[in-house]
N, C-alpha and C. Protein backbone atom coordinates (compact mmCIF):
# COMPACT_ATOMS: atom_id res chain seq x y z
N THR A 1 36.97 53.87 73.74
CA THR A 1 36.34 52.46 74.65
C THR A 1 36.60 51.54 74.01
N ALA A 2 36.16 50.32 74.56
CA ALA A 2 36.05 48.85 73.72
C ALA A 2 35.29 48.60 72.40
N PHE A 3 34.30 49.97 72.14
CA PHE A 3 33.64 50.03 71.20
C PHE A 3 34.10 50.60 70.07
N VAL A 4 35.65 51.25 70.34
CA VAL A 4 36.04 51.75 69.04
C VAL A 4 36.77 50.39 68.15
N ASN A 5 37.41 49.64 68.90
CA ASN A 5 37.95 48.22 68.37
C ASN A 5 36.86 47.40 67.59
N ALA A 6 35.81 47.21 67.97
CA ALA A 6 34.68 46.38 67.80
C ALA A 6 33.59 47.38 66.35
N ARG A 7 33.84 48.21 65.62
CA ARG A 7 33.69 48.86 64.83
C ARG A 7 33.68 48.00 63.55
N ALA A 8 32.58 48.12 62.90
CA ALA A 8 32.35 47.63 61.25
C ALA A 8 33.05 48.08 60.09
N TYR A 9 33.86 47.59 58.87
CA TYR A 9 34.33 47.83 58.18
C TYR A 9 32.95 48.85 57.01
N ALA A 10 33.33 49.57 56.50
CA ALA A 10 32.18 49.61 55.72
C ALA A 10 32.03 48.50 54.60
N PRO A 11 30.83 47.60 53.98
CA PRO A 11 31.25 46.83 52.94
C PRO A 11 31.43 47.54 51.74
N ASN A 12 32.00 46.67 50.63
CA ASN A 12 32.21 47.40 49.48
C ASN A 12 30.88 47.30 48.45
N LEU A 13 30.52 48.61 47.21
CA LEU A 13 28.93 47.99 46.69
C LEU A 13 28.83 46.86 46.26
N SER A 14 29.67 46.73 45.92
CA SER A 14 30.01 45.08 44.89
C SER A 14 29.96 44.35 45.57
N ASP A 15 29.79 43.95 46.67
CA ASP A 15 29.79 43.22 47.25
C ASP A 15 28.24 42.13 47.19
N GLY A 16 28.37 40.86 47.23
CA GLY A 16 27.21 40.17 47.42
C GLY A 16 26.56 40.40 49.19
N GLN A 17 24.96 39.53 48.44
CA GLN A 17 24.20 39.89 50.05
C GLN A 17 25.07 39.64 51.18
N GLY A 18 25.22 38.22 51.43
CA GLY A 18 26.00 38.20 52.98
C GLY A 18 26.95 38.75 53.08
N VAL A 19 28.18 38.93 51.73
CA VAL A 19 29.52 40.18 52.22
C VAL A 19 28.87 41.92 52.89
N PHE A 20 27.62 42.19 52.10
CA PHE A 20 27.02 43.44 52.52
C PHE A 20 26.39 43.47 53.66
N LEU A 21 25.78 42.42 53.90
CA LEU A 21 24.80 42.51 55.04
C LEU A 21 25.83 42.39 56.54
N ALA A 22 26.65 41.44 56.28
CA ALA A 22 27.28 41.25 57.61
C ALA A 22 27.79 42.68 58.70
N PRO A 23 28.46 43.39 58.07
CA PRO A 23 29.14 44.43 58.44
C PRO A 23 27.66 45.64 58.92
N LEU A 24 26.84 45.40 58.46
CA LEU A 24 25.80 46.67 58.92
C LEU A 24 25.04 45.61 59.97
N ARG A 25 25.16 44.47 59.68
CA ARG A 25 24.46 43.74 60.72
C ARG A 25 24.88 44.18 62.43
N ASP A 26 26.38 44.23 62.14
CA ASP A 26 27.58 44.57 63.56
C ASP A 26 26.96 45.70 63.43
N VAL A 27 26.82 46.14 62.72
CA VAL A 27 26.43 47.91 63.33
C VAL A 27 25.84 47.94 64.15
N PHE A 28 24.27 47.39 63.69
CA PHE A 28 23.40 47.57 64.62
C PHE A 28 23.47 46.70 66.26
N SER A 29 24.00 45.49 65.69
CA SER A 29 24.90 45.13 67.58
C SER A 29 25.33 45.86 68.21
N LEU A 30 25.93 46.04 67.35
CA LEU A 30 27.36 47.26 68.49
C LEU A 30 25.98 48.32 68.88
N TRP A 31 25.46 49.10 68.00
CA TRP A 31 24.67 50.03 68.49
C TRP A 31 23.84 49.92 69.24
N GLU A 32 23.28 48.85 69.26
CA GLU A 32 22.42 48.33 70.85
C GLU A 32 23.26 48.20 71.76
N LYS A 33 24.69 48.08 72.01
CA LYS A 33 24.89 47.70 73.17
C LYS A 33 25.38 48.89 73.72
N LEU A 34 26.13 49.83 72.51
CA LEU A 34 26.40 50.62 73.30
C LEU A 34 25.79 51.75 73.61
N ASN A 35 24.61 51.56 73.75
CA ASN A 35 23.15 52.34 74.13
C ASN A 35 23.27 52.37 75.27
N ALA A 36 22.81 50.95 75.78
CA ALA A 36 22.71 50.17 77.46
C ALA A 36 23.48 50.40 78.07
N GLY A 37 24.69 50.76 77.90
CA GLY A 37 26.01 51.44 78.96
C GLY A 37 26.34 51.91 78.84
N ALA A 38 26.98 52.54 79.93
CA ALA A 38 27.40 53.64 80.60
C ALA A 38 27.86 54.79 78.90
N ALA A 39 27.19 55.95 79.45
CA ALA A 39 27.62 56.74 78.29
C ALA A 39 29.02 57.28 78.07
N PRO A 40 30.15 57.23 77.25
CA PRO A 40 31.10 57.79 77.24
C PRO A 40 31.04 59.29 77.00
N ALA A 41 32.33 60.04 78.00
CA ALA A 41 32.32 61.21 77.63
C ALA A 41 32.15 61.93 76.75
N GLY A 42 31.07 62.84 76.68
CA GLY A 42 31.29 63.89 75.89
C GLY A 42 30.18 63.35 74.08
N ILE A 43 29.43 62.20 74.80
CA ILE A 43 28.60 61.71 74.03
C ILE A 43 26.69 61.49 74.98
N ALA A 44 25.43 61.60 74.23
CA ALA A 44 25.00 61.37 74.56
C ALA A 44 24.47 60.40 74.10
N LEU A 45 23.46 59.41 75.27
CA LEU A 45 22.89 57.87 74.65
C LEU A 45 21.32 58.57 74.96
N PRO A 46 20.62 57.77 74.24
CA PRO A 46 20.97 57.33 72.89
C PRO A 46 21.41 57.43 71.74
N LEU A 47 22.48 56.87 71.28
CA LEU A 47 23.21 57.26 70.10
C LEU A 47 22.22 58.10 68.63
N VAL A 48 22.96 59.16 68.03
CA VAL A 48 22.46 59.45 67.04
C VAL A 48 22.79 59.90 65.97
N LEU A 49 22.90 59.37 64.91
CA LEU A 49 24.15 60.03 64.04
C LEU A 49 23.88 61.55 63.81
N SER A 50 24.76 62.37 63.09
CA SER A 50 24.71 63.80 62.69
C SER A 50 23.81 63.94 62.02
N ASP A 51 23.39 62.87 60.98
CA ASP A 51 22.23 63.53 60.34
C ASP A 51 20.69 63.36 60.72
N GLY A 52 20.68 62.78 62.28
CA GLY A 52 19.83 61.82 62.88
C GLY A 52 19.14 61.49 62.51
N THR A 53 19.66 59.85 62.46
CA THR A 53 19.50 58.42 62.14
C THR A 53 19.70 57.87 63.31
N THR A 54 18.27 58.04 63.67
CA THR A 54 18.59 56.43 65.09
C THR A 54 18.52 55.31 64.94
N ARG A 55 18.48 54.32 66.09
CA ARG A 55 19.44 53.46 66.00
C ARG A 55 17.94 52.12 65.21
N GLU A 56 17.02 53.12 65.93
CA GLU A 56 15.47 52.26 65.00
C GLU A 56 15.62 51.78 63.64
N GLU A 57 15.65 53.75 62.72
CA GLU A 57 15.37 54.08 61.97
C GLU A 57 16.82 53.50 60.45
N PHE A 58 17.68 53.04 61.32
CA PHE A 58 19.06 52.15 61.01
C PHE A 58 18.34 50.65 60.47
N GLY A 59 17.59 50.26 62.07
CA GLY A 59 17.53 48.83 61.51
C GLY A 59 16.30 49.03 60.34
N GLU A 60 15.17 50.02 60.13
CA GLU A 60 14.19 49.53 59.95
C GLU A 60 14.94 49.70 57.98
N GLU A 61 16.29 50.45 57.67
CA GLU A 61 17.17 50.77 56.54
C GLU A 61 17.42 49.10 56.12
N LEU A 62 18.11 49.33 57.33
CA LEU A 62 18.54 47.49 57.42
C LEU A 62 17.52 46.40 56.89
N ALA A 63 16.62 46.22 57.10
CA ALA A 63 15.90 45.55 56.60
C ALA A 63 14.90 45.40 55.44
N GLY A 64 15.52 46.83 54.89
CA GLY A 64 14.86 47.08 53.68
C GLY A 64 15.32 45.87 53.02
N ILE A 65 16.87 46.53 53.12
CA ILE A 65 17.97 46.09 51.87
C ILE A 65 17.58 44.57 52.16
N ALA A 66 17.46 43.94 53.00
CA ALA A 66 17.38 42.62 52.96
C ALA A 66 16.02 42.08 52.51
N GLY A 67 15.34 43.19 52.87
CA GLY A 67 14.54 42.94 51.85
C GLY A 67 14.20 43.06 50.78
N SER A 68 15.16 43.77 49.75
CA SER A 68 15.08 44.52 48.05
C SER A 68 15.93 43.15 48.06
N TYR A 69 16.55 41.89 48.82
CA TYR A 69 17.63 41.13 48.00
C TYR A 69 16.44 39.91 48.03
N VAL A 70 15.26 40.15 48.04
CA VAL A 70 14.71 38.77 48.48
C VAL A 70 13.36 39.08 47.08
N ALA A 71 13.70 40.31 46.76
CA ALA A 71 12.55 40.70 46.10
C ALA A 71 13.80 41.00 44.36
N GLU A 72 14.51 40.64 44.77
CA GLU A 72 15.50 40.58 43.99
C GLU A 72 15.40 38.79 42.90
N ALA A 73 15.53 37.98 44.15
CA ALA A 73 15.59 36.76 43.86
C ALA A 73 14.36 36.69 43.06
N ALA A 74 13.41 36.88 43.52
CA ALA A 74 11.96 36.54 43.34
C ALA A 74 11.87 37.36 41.59
N ALA A 75 12.11 37.91 41.52
CA ALA A 75 12.04 38.76 40.37
C ALA A 75 12.65 37.65 39.36
N ASN A 76 13.79 37.52 39.75
CA ASN A 76 14.76 36.72 38.40
C ASN A 76 14.20 35.56 38.32
N GLN A 77 13.42 34.47 39.78
CA GLN A 77 12.67 33.70 39.42
C GLN A 77 11.40 33.60 37.76
N GLY A 78 10.90 34.98 38.03
CA GLY A 78 9.73 34.81 37.82
C GLY A 78 9.72 35.48 36.16
N ALA A 79 11.34 36.10 36.46
CA ALA A 79 12.01 35.74 34.83
C ALA A 79 12.74 34.90 34.04
N VAL A 80 12.63 33.90 34.58
CA VAL A 80 12.75 32.32 34.29
C VAL A 80 11.59 31.91 34.11
N LEU A 81 10.77 32.01 34.35
CA LEU A 81 9.37 31.13 34.49
C LEU A 81 8.94 32.24 33.17
N ALA A 82 8.77 33.24 32.85
CA ALA A 82 8.13 34.17 31.87
C ALA A 82 8.82 34.08 30.16
N ARG A 83 9.81 33.74 30.79
CA ARG A 83 11.10 33.06 29.30
C ARG A 83 10.61 31.54 28.94
N SER A 84 10.60 30.83 29.86
CA SER A 84 10.08 29.78 29.81
C SER A 84 8.57 29.09 28.85
N GLU A 85 7.61 30.51 29.13
CA GLU A 85 6.14 30.15 28.87
C GLU A 85 6.22 31.22 27.54
N ARG A 86 6.81 32.30 27.44
CA ARG A 86 7.55 32.63 26.41
C ARG A 86 7.97 32.45 24.80
N ASP A 87 8.95 31.02 25.58
CA ASP A 87 9.27 29.95 24.29
C ASP A 87 8.70 28.75 23.72
N GLY A 88 8.18 28.55 24.52
CA GLY A 88 7.20 27.50 24.37
C GLY A 88 6.12 27.96 23.62
N LEU A 89 5.08 29.87 23.85
CA LEU A 89 4.41 30.03 23.03
C LEU A 89 5.01 30.24 21.72
N LYS A 90 6.45 30.98 21.34
CA LYS A 90 6.90 30.85 20.20
C LYS A 90 7.18 30.01 19.72
N GLU A 91 7.35 28.43 20.24
CA GLU A 91 7.10 27.09 19.51
C GLU A 91 6.05 26.64 19.05
N ARG A 92 4.41 27.19 20.00
CA ARG A 92 3.26 26.41 18.99
C ARG A 92 2.70 27.66 18.12
N ILE A 93 3.32 28.70 18.42
CA ILE A 93 2.64 29.48 16.98
C ILE A 93 4.04 29.20 15.89
N ARG A 94 4.97 28.83 15.55
CA ARG A 94 5.40 28.31 14.66
C ARG A 94 4.74 27.05 14.05
N ALA A 95 4.57 25.57 15.04
CA ALA A 95 4.15 25.39 14.56
C ALA A 95 2.82 25.26 13.71
N ILE A 96 1.98 26.54 14.44
CA ILE A 96 0.87 26.60 13.79
C ILE A 96 1.19 27.22 12.16
N LEU A 97 2.56 28.34 11.90
CA LEU A 97 2.10 28.88 10.80
C LEU A 97 2.62 28.01 9.68
N VAL A 98 3.98 26.68 10.51
CA VAL A 98 3.97 25.72 9.75
C VAL A 98 2.82 25.54 8.52
N SER A 99 2.05 25.16 9.58
CA SER A 99 0.35 24.09 8.98
C SER A 99 0.07 24.78 8.09
N TYR A 100 0.15 26.17 8.07
CA TYR A 100 -0.61 27.26 7.72
C TYR A 100 -0.41 27.38 6.48
N ARG A 101 1.35 27.25 6.39
CA ARG A 101 1.69 27.63 4.60
C ARG A 101 1.75 25.76 3.85
N THR A 102 1.32 24.93 4.35
CA THR A 102 1.51 23.89 3.68
C THR A 102 0.07 23.78 3.52
N VAL A 103 -0.98 23.86 4.36
CA VAL A 103 -2.49 23.81 3.50
C VAL A 103 -2.79 25.10 2.79
N VAL A 104 -2.03 26.19 3.25
CA VAL A 104 -3.00 27.78 1.89
C VAL A 104 -2.91 26.72 0.80
N PRO A 105 -1.73 26.95 0.46
CA PRO A 105 -1.39 27.25 -1.57
C PRO A 105 -1.98 25.80 -2.11
N ALA A 106 -2.83 24.97 -1.34
CA ALA A 106 -3.72 24.10 -2.12
C ALA A 106 -5.09 24.63 -1.96
N ARG A 107 -5.27 24.77 -0.83
CA ARG A 107 -6.43 25.07 -0.67
C ARG A 107 -6.92 26.31 -1.41
N CYS A 108 -6.05 27.17 -2.20
CA CYS A 108 -6.37 28.74 -2.14
C CYS A 108 -5.59 28.44 -3.73
N ALA A 109 -5.43 27.42 -4.62
CA ALA A 109 -4.72 27.27 -5.41
C ALA A 109 -5.06 28.18 -6.75
N GLN A 110 -6.39 28.92 -6.95
CA GLN A 110 -6.70 29.40 -7.54
C GLN A 110 -6.41 30.64 -7.23
N HIS A 111 -6.37 31.64 -6.27
CA HIS A 111 -5.76 32.72 -5.69
C HIS A 111 -4.78 33.05 -5.41
N GLY A 112 -3.72 33.06 -6.33
CA GLY A 112 -2.22 33.18 -6.43
C GLY A 112 -1.82 34.59 -5.52
N SER A 113 -2.77 35.64 -5.62
CA SER A 113 -2.53 36.88 -4.95
C SER A 113 -2.12 36.43 -3.26
N LEU A 114 -3.15 35.70 -3.29
CA LEU A 114 -3.30 35.48 -1.57
C LEU A 114 -2.19 33.67 -1.12
N VAL A 115 -1.55 32.76 -2.15
CA VAL A 115 -0.49 32.20 -1.62
C VAL A 115 0.73 33.28 -1.54
N GLU A 116 0.26 34.45 -2.57
CA GLU A 116 1.84 34.65 -1.70
C GLU A 116 1.95 35.89 -1.25
N THR A 117 1.21 36.16 -0.66
CA THR A 117 1.54 36.72 1.15
C THR A 117 1.67 36.18 2.24
N LEU A 118 2.01 34.66 2.15
CA LEU A 118 1.89 34.04 2.76
C LEU A 118 3.29 34.32 3.66
N PRO A 119 3.19 34.07 4.79
CA PRO A 119 4.05 34.47 5.93
C PRO A 119 5.53 34.29 5.80
N VAL A 120 7.02 34.62 5.37
CA VAL A 120 8.29 33.76 5.16
C VAL A 120 8.87 33.44 6.84
N LEU A 121 9.16 32.49 6.84
CA LEU A 121 9.37 31.57 8.65
C LEU A 121 11.09 31.72 8.56
N THR A 122 11.62 31.93 7.36
CA THR A 122 12.70 31.53 7.62
C THR A 122 13.42 32.76 6.27
N PRO A 123 14.73 33.71 6.85
CA PRO A 123 15.11 34.06 5.71
C PRO A 123 15.44 33.61 4.41
N PRO A 124 15.56 34.39 2.99
CA PRO A 124 15.33 33.03 2.40
C PRO A 124 16.72 33.14 1.55
N PRO A 125 17.82 32.47 0.64
CA PRO A 125 19.23 32.33 0.83
C PRO A 125 19.82 33.17 0.38
N GLY A 126 20.78 33.34 1.07
CA GLY A 126 21.70 34.94 0.69
C GLY A 126 22.94 34.80 2.01
N HIS A 127 24.05 35.87 2.06
CA HIS A 127 24.85 35.81 2.60
C HIS A 127 24.48 35.96 4.08
N THR A 128 25.96 36.21 5.10
CA THR A 128 25.46 36.52 6.42
C THR A 128 25.94 38.00 6.03
N PRO A 129 25.61 38.90 6.27
CA PRO A 129 26.22 40.60 6.56
C PRO A 129 28.11 40.73 7.53
N ASP A 130 28.68 41.68 7.01
CA ASP A 130 29.33 42.25 8.17
C ASP A 130 28.97 42.78 9.05
N ALA A 131 29.90 42.29 10.45
CA ALA A 131 29.03 43.08 11.41
C ALA A 131 29.77 44.78 11.83
N VAL A 132 29.52 45.70 11.73
CA VAL A 132 30.01 47.21 11.97
C VAL A 132 30.81 47.36 13.06
N VAL A 133 31.41 47.57 13.72
CA VAL A 133 32.49 48.25 14.40
C VAL A 133 31.60 49.89 15.05
N ALA A 134 31.24 48.93 16.67
CA ALA A 134 30.69 49.71 17.19
C ALA A 134 31.21 50.62 18.44
N SER A 135 30.67 51.42 19.41
CA SER A 135 30.76 52.24 20.26
C SER A 135 29.99 52.78 21.23
N ALA A 136 30.09 53.09 22.16
CA ALA A 136 29.44 53.20 23.18
C ALA A 136 30.06 53.89 24.84
N VAL A 137 29.08 55.18 24.79
CA VAL A 137 29.92 56.22 26.06
C VAL A 137 28.68 56.24 27.02
N PHE A 138 28.53 56.52 28.32
CA PHE A 138 27.48 57.39 28.70
C PHE A 138 27.41 58.35 28.56
N VAL A 139 26.12 59.22 28.50
CA VAL A 139 26.06 60.51 29.13
C VAL A 139 25.18 61.09 29.77
N ALA A 140 25.81 61.83 30.54
CA ALA A 140 24.79 62.41 31.50
C ALA A 140 23.96 62.90 31.55
N PRO A 141 22.46 62.76 32.22
CA PRO A 141 22.05 62.02 33.46
C PRO A 141 21.90 60.40 33.35
N ASP A 142 21.20 59.91 32.19
CA ASP A 142 20.80 58.56 32.32
C ASP A 142 20.66 58.49 30.65
N GLN A 143 21.61 58.42 29.86
CA GLN A 143 21.76 58.05 28.65
C GLN A 143 22.61 57.06 28.27
N ALA A 144 23.20 56.61 27.54
CA ALA A 144 23.54 55.91 26.04
C ALA A 144 24.23 56.39 24.57
N ARG A 145 25.46 57.23 24.82
CA ARG A 145 25.16 57.37 22.92
C ARG A 145 26.08 56.06 22.43
N VAL A 146 25.80 55.31 21.14
CA VAL A 146 26.62 54.68 20.33
C VAL A 146 26.90 55.12 19.17
N VAL A 147 28.30 55.18 18.48
CA VAL A 147 27.94 55.36 17.21
C VAL A 147 28.81 54.32 16.54
N TYR A 148 28.50 53.90 15.08
CA TYR A 148 29.33 52.91 14.71
C TYR A 148 29.27 53.19 13.20
N GLU A 149 29.82 52.40 11.86
CA GLU A 149 30.54 52.80 11.67
C GLU A 149 29.75 52.43 10.30
N ALA A 150 29.68 52.59 8.91
CA ALA A 150 28.59 52.44 8.72
C ALA A 150 28.87 50.99 7.35
N SER A 151 28.29 50.53 7.18
CA SER A 151 27.81 49.10 6.56
C SER A 151 28.70 48.90 4.53
N ALA A 152 29.23 48.05 4.09
CA ALA A 152 29.51 48.34 2.97
C ALA A 152 28.59 47.51 1.98
N GLU A 153 27.36 46.81 2.90
CA GLU A 153 26.51 45.90 1.84
C GLU A 153 25.66 46.92 1.04
N ALA A 154 25.69 46.18 -0.09
CA ALA A 154 24.69 46.90 -0.96
C ALA A 154 23.48 46.77 -0.76
N SER A 155 22.93 45.39 -0.02
CA SER A 155 21.36 45.47 -0.33
C SER A 155 21.29 45.76 1.63
N LEU A 156 21.99 46.65 2.32
CA LEU A 156 21.76 47.24 2.90
C LEU A 156 20.10 47.66 3.83
N GLU A 157 19.17 47.55 4.51
CA GLU A 157 17.86 48.10 4.56
C GLU A 157 17.90 49.18 6.14
N ARG A 158 18.09 48.90 7.43
CA ARG A 158 18.83 49.65 8.50
C ARG A 158 20.20 48.73 8.86
N TYR A 159 20.03 49.58 10.12
CA TYR A 159 20.66 49.19 11.61
C TYR A 159 19.18 49.53 12.97
N GLU A 160 20.17 48.11 13.11
CA GLU A 160 19.24 48.09 14.20
C GLU A 160 19.65 48.19 15.99
N LEU A 161 19.42 48.85 16.54
CA LEU A 161 20.36 48.89 17.94
C LEU A 161 19.89 48.00 19.21
N ARG A 162 19.86 46.85 19.69
CA ARG A 162 19.39 46.03 20.38
C ARG A 162 20.11 45.80 21.86
N GLY A 163 19.10 45.40 22.58
CA GLY A 163 19.66 45.60 24.05
C GLY A 163 19.32 44.93 24.98
N ASN A 164 19.43 44.83 26.06
CA ASN A 164 19.10 44.37 27.39
C ASN A 164 19.17 44.25 29.04
N PRO A 165 18.72 44.86 29.78
CA PRO A 165 19.54 45.22 30.85
C PRO A 165 20.59 44.48 31.87
N GLY A 166 21.90 44.97 32.44
CA GLY A 166 22.47 43.96 32.85
C GLY A 166 24.22 43.75 31.86
N GLU A 167 25.14 43.74 32.49
CA GLU A 167 26.01 43.34 31.60
C GLU A 167 26.20 42.58 30.77
N GLU A 168 25.42 41.67 30.47
CA GLU A 168 25.93 40.55 29.28
C GLU A 168 24.85 40.48 28.45
N TYR A 169 25.11 40.57 27.49
CA TYR A 169 24.41 40.75 26.32
C TYR A 169 23.49 39.25 26.05
N SER A 170 22.39 39.24 26.17
CA SER A 170 21.42 37.80 25.56
C SER A 170 20.60 38.21 24.33
N ASP A 171 21.27 37.25 23.80
CA ASP A 171 20.15 37.28 21.93
C ASP A 171 18.66 37.00 22.86
N GLU A 172 18.55 36.21 24.07
CA GLU A 172 17.11 35.21 24.54
C GLU A 172 16.27 36.53 25.22
N ASP A 173 16.91 37.54 25.79
CA ASP A 173 16.41 39.19 26.36
C ASP A 173 16.51 39.95 25.53
N ALA A 174 17.15 40.00 24.68
CA ALA A 174 17.25 41.52 24.03
C ALA A 174 15.78 41.95 23.48
N VAL A 175 16.04 43.23 22.46
CA VAL A 175 15.23 43.60 22.18
C VAL A 175 15.26 44.96 21.56
N VAL A 176 14.60 45.42 20.60
CA VAL A 176 15.13 46.17 19.57
C VAL A 176 14.40 47.83 20.41
N ILE A 177 15.50 48.62 20.05
CA ILE A 177 15.44 49.91 21.09
C ILE A 177 14.80 51.02 20.09
N ALA A 178 15.52 50.56 18.73
CA ALA A 178 15.97 51.86 18.04
C ALA A 178 16.60 51.57 16.70
N THR A 179 15.67 52.18 16.01
CA THR A 179 16.06 51.77 13.65
C THR A 179 16.59 53.17 13.08
N ASN A 180 17.67 52.57 12.80
CA ASN A 180 18.09 53.94 11.78
C ASN A 180 17.46 53.59 10.55
N GLY A 181 17.66 54.13 9.35
CA GLY A 181 17.68 54.26 7.84
C GLY A 181 19.48 53.81 7.81
N VAL A 182 18.84 54.06 5.89
CA VAL A 182 20.90 53.91 5.93
C VAL A 182 21.57 55.00 6.00
N ALA A 183 20.75 55.81 5.62
CA ALA A 183 20.90 57.68 5.42
C ALA A 183 20.83 58.43 6.83
N ASP A 184 20.54 57.79 7.86
CA ASP A 184 20.18 58.85 9.29
C ASP A 184 21.54 58.56 9.44
N ALA A 185 21.98 59.62 10.40
CA ALA A 185 23.17 59.73 11.27
C ALA A 185 23.52 58.86 11.81
N ARG A 186 24.78 58.32 11.71
CA ARG A 186 25.42 56.84 12.80
C ARG A 186 25.66 56.96 14.09
N GLU A 187 24.40 57.18 14.40
CA GLU A 187 24.38 57.14 16.41
C GLU A 187 23.08 57.08 17.02
N PHE A 188 22.99 56.38 17.86
CA PHE A 188 22.19 56.01 18.78
C PHE A 188 22.11 56.50 20.07
N VAL A 189 21.13 57.08 21.42
CA VAL A 189 20.72 57.97 21.84
C VAL A 189 20.40 57.54 22.82
N THR A 190 20.18 56.38 24.11
CA THR A 190 18.80 56.23 24.27
C THR A 190 18.82 56.18 26.29
N GLY A 191 18.62 55.65 27.01
CA GLY A 191 18.45 55.79 27.93
C GLY A 191 17.81 54.68 28.54
N PHE A 192 17.80 53.85 27.26
CA PHE A 192 16.99 52.37 27.52
C PHE A 192 18.00 51.42 28.39
N GLY A 193 17.66 51.23 29.75
CA GLY A 193 17.79 50.01 30.76
C GLY A 193 18.89 51.18 32.00
N LEU A 194 18.40 52.24 32.00
CA LEU A 194 19.26 53.66 32.41
C LEU A 194 19.40 54.33 33.56
N GLY A 195 17.30 53.68 33.91
CA GLY A 195 16.70 54.74 35.37
C GLY A 195 17.23 54.86 36.55
N GLN A 196 18.67 53.97 36.32
CA GLN A 196 18.74 54.16 38.59
C GLN A 196 19.81 54.27 38.09
N PRO A 197 20.29 54.98 38.93
CA PRO A 197 22.06 54.83 39.51
C PRO A 197 22.28 53.73 39.85
N GLY A 198 23.35 52.79 39.32
CA GLY A 198 24.42 51.79 39.32
C GLY A 198 23.96 50.73 38.02
N THR A 199 23.06 51.07 37.45
CA THR A 199 22.34 50.23 36.31
C THR A 199 23.34 49.99 35.35
N MET A 200 23.46 48.97 34.67
CA MET A 200 23.77 48.84 33.49
C MET A 200 23.28 48.17 32.25
N VAL A 201 23.78 48.64 31.22
CA VAL A 201 23.24 47.93 29.56
C VAL A 201 23.25 46.88 29.02
N ALA A 202 23.86 45.21 28.34
CA ALA A 202 24.45 45.66 27.05
C ALA A 202 23.83 46.07 25.77
N LEU A 203 24.92 46.13 24.66
CA LEU A 203 24.06 46.61 23.64
C LEU A 203 24.70 45.87 22.14
N LYS A 204 23.71 46.10 21.16
CA LYS A 204 24.46 45.45 19.99
C LYS A 204 23.78 46.42 19.28
N VAL A 205 24.46 46.68 18.09
CA VAL A 205 24.59 47.42 16.50
C VAL A 205 24.26 46.31 15.80
N TYR A 206 22.96 46.18 15.00
CA TYR A 206 22.71 45.23 13.81
C TYR A 206 22.71 45.69 12.52
N VAL A 207 23.47 44.74 11.73
CA VAL A 207 23.32 45.41 10.41
C VAL A 207 22.27 44.96 9.55
N VAL A 208 21.53 44.68 9.04
CA VAL A 208 19.83 44.03 8.40
C VAL A 208 19.75 44.34 7.18
N LEU A 209 20.05 42.65 6.31
CA LEU A 209 19.38 43.19 4.99
C LEU A 209 18.48 43.44 4.50
N ASP A 210 18.04 43.82 3.36
CA ASP A 210 16.64 43.69 2.74
C ASP A 210 16.43 41.76 2.77
N THR A 211 16.80 40.87 2.79
CA THR A 211 16.90 39.53 2.56
C THR A 211 16.45 38.83 4.24
N GLY A 212 16.95 39.64 5.07
CA GLY A 212 16.48 39.42 6.72
C GLY A 212 17.54 38.73 6.88
N ASN A 213 19.00 38.55 6.08
CA ASN A 213 19.79 38.28 6.85
C ASN A 213 20.60 39.41 7.75
N GLU A 214 21.21 38.89 8.88
CA GLU A 214 21.34 40.13 10.21
C GLU A 214 23.49 40.09 10.40
N SER A 215 23.44 40.52 11.25
CA SER A 215 25.22 40.06 11.77
C SER A 215 24.68 41.21 12.33
N GLY A 216 25.25 40.89 13.58
CA GLY A 216 25.54 42.01 15.33
C GLY A 216 26.72 42.35 16.15
N SER A 217 27.13 43.53 15.93
CA SER A 217 28.63 44.03 16.42
C SER A 217 28.93 43.27 17.58
N ALA A 218 30.24 43.32 18.22
CA ALA A 218 30.74 43.22 19.54
C ALA A 218 29.17 44.18 19.94
N THR A 219 29.25 43.05 21.89
CA THR A 219 28.81 43.88 22.94
C THR A 219 29.48 45.00 23.77
N LEU A 220 28.73 45.88 23.63
CA LEU A 220 29.13 47.05 24.30
C LEU A 220 28.35 47.27 25.65
N THR A 221 28.71 47.40 26.46
CA THR A 221 28.49 47.48 27.80
C THR A 221 28.68 49.01 28.79
N VAL A 222 26.91 50.12 29.07
CA VAL A 222 27.82 50.72 29.66
C VAL A 222 26.97 51.28 30.70
N ALA A 223 27.69 51.43 31.77
CA ALA A 223 27.06 51.70 33.13
C ALA A 223 26.67 53.49 33.63
N ARG A 224 25.74 53.04 33.73
CA ARG A 224 25.49 54.69 35.20
C ARG A 224 25.95 54.40 36.82
N PRO A 225 27.01 55.79 36.31
CA PRO A 225 27.20 55.47 37.77
C PRO A 225 26.56 55.84 39.35
N LEU A 226 27.10 55.51 39.76
CA LEU A 226 26.47 55.12 41.44
C LEU A 226 25.92 56.98 41.50
């Protein structure tokens, strides 16, 4: 029948919203035309797929996918707003701490032990450590395994695994996922960011010295297969 020539090609999972939804809408429209016409030989109408899916159910799934794109856009916008609020709060907190460090030494001149406990706002003078070489692999069903070489720094305090969801590492969004001491096995195993099939996570291994100076490895990207 003519319907064969009008079939849509399946989209790729990596296609953007417009490219991904277009053939699905074509399927939904063609399905309606098929159901409204004369039944081809050997076909019972309305057409039902071999797994029992009806056109109405397919339409509900299609609407759900379209809605998920809207929800994703709203979530991304919310993340931008949340970062802006966070950065503003950090600036206000830092201003308070700077004022605190300025006032307390004079007010507490007779209480040296209190002055010594003032929070440090910046690392003391020192050098930036060399970054370590690290690698990461996906471990089924939902974890990443990260291994790294030892640091030769004499003042090494710890190693930190930091990361954020997605394929690009962001210093602004990355969080500390796990910490290893100097004598611990040089690996991290984590399910961070890999809770669902198709998700990705960007990771770095940081060398942190007892002075607070630090350096991160090259970005490691781990993807959970679909």
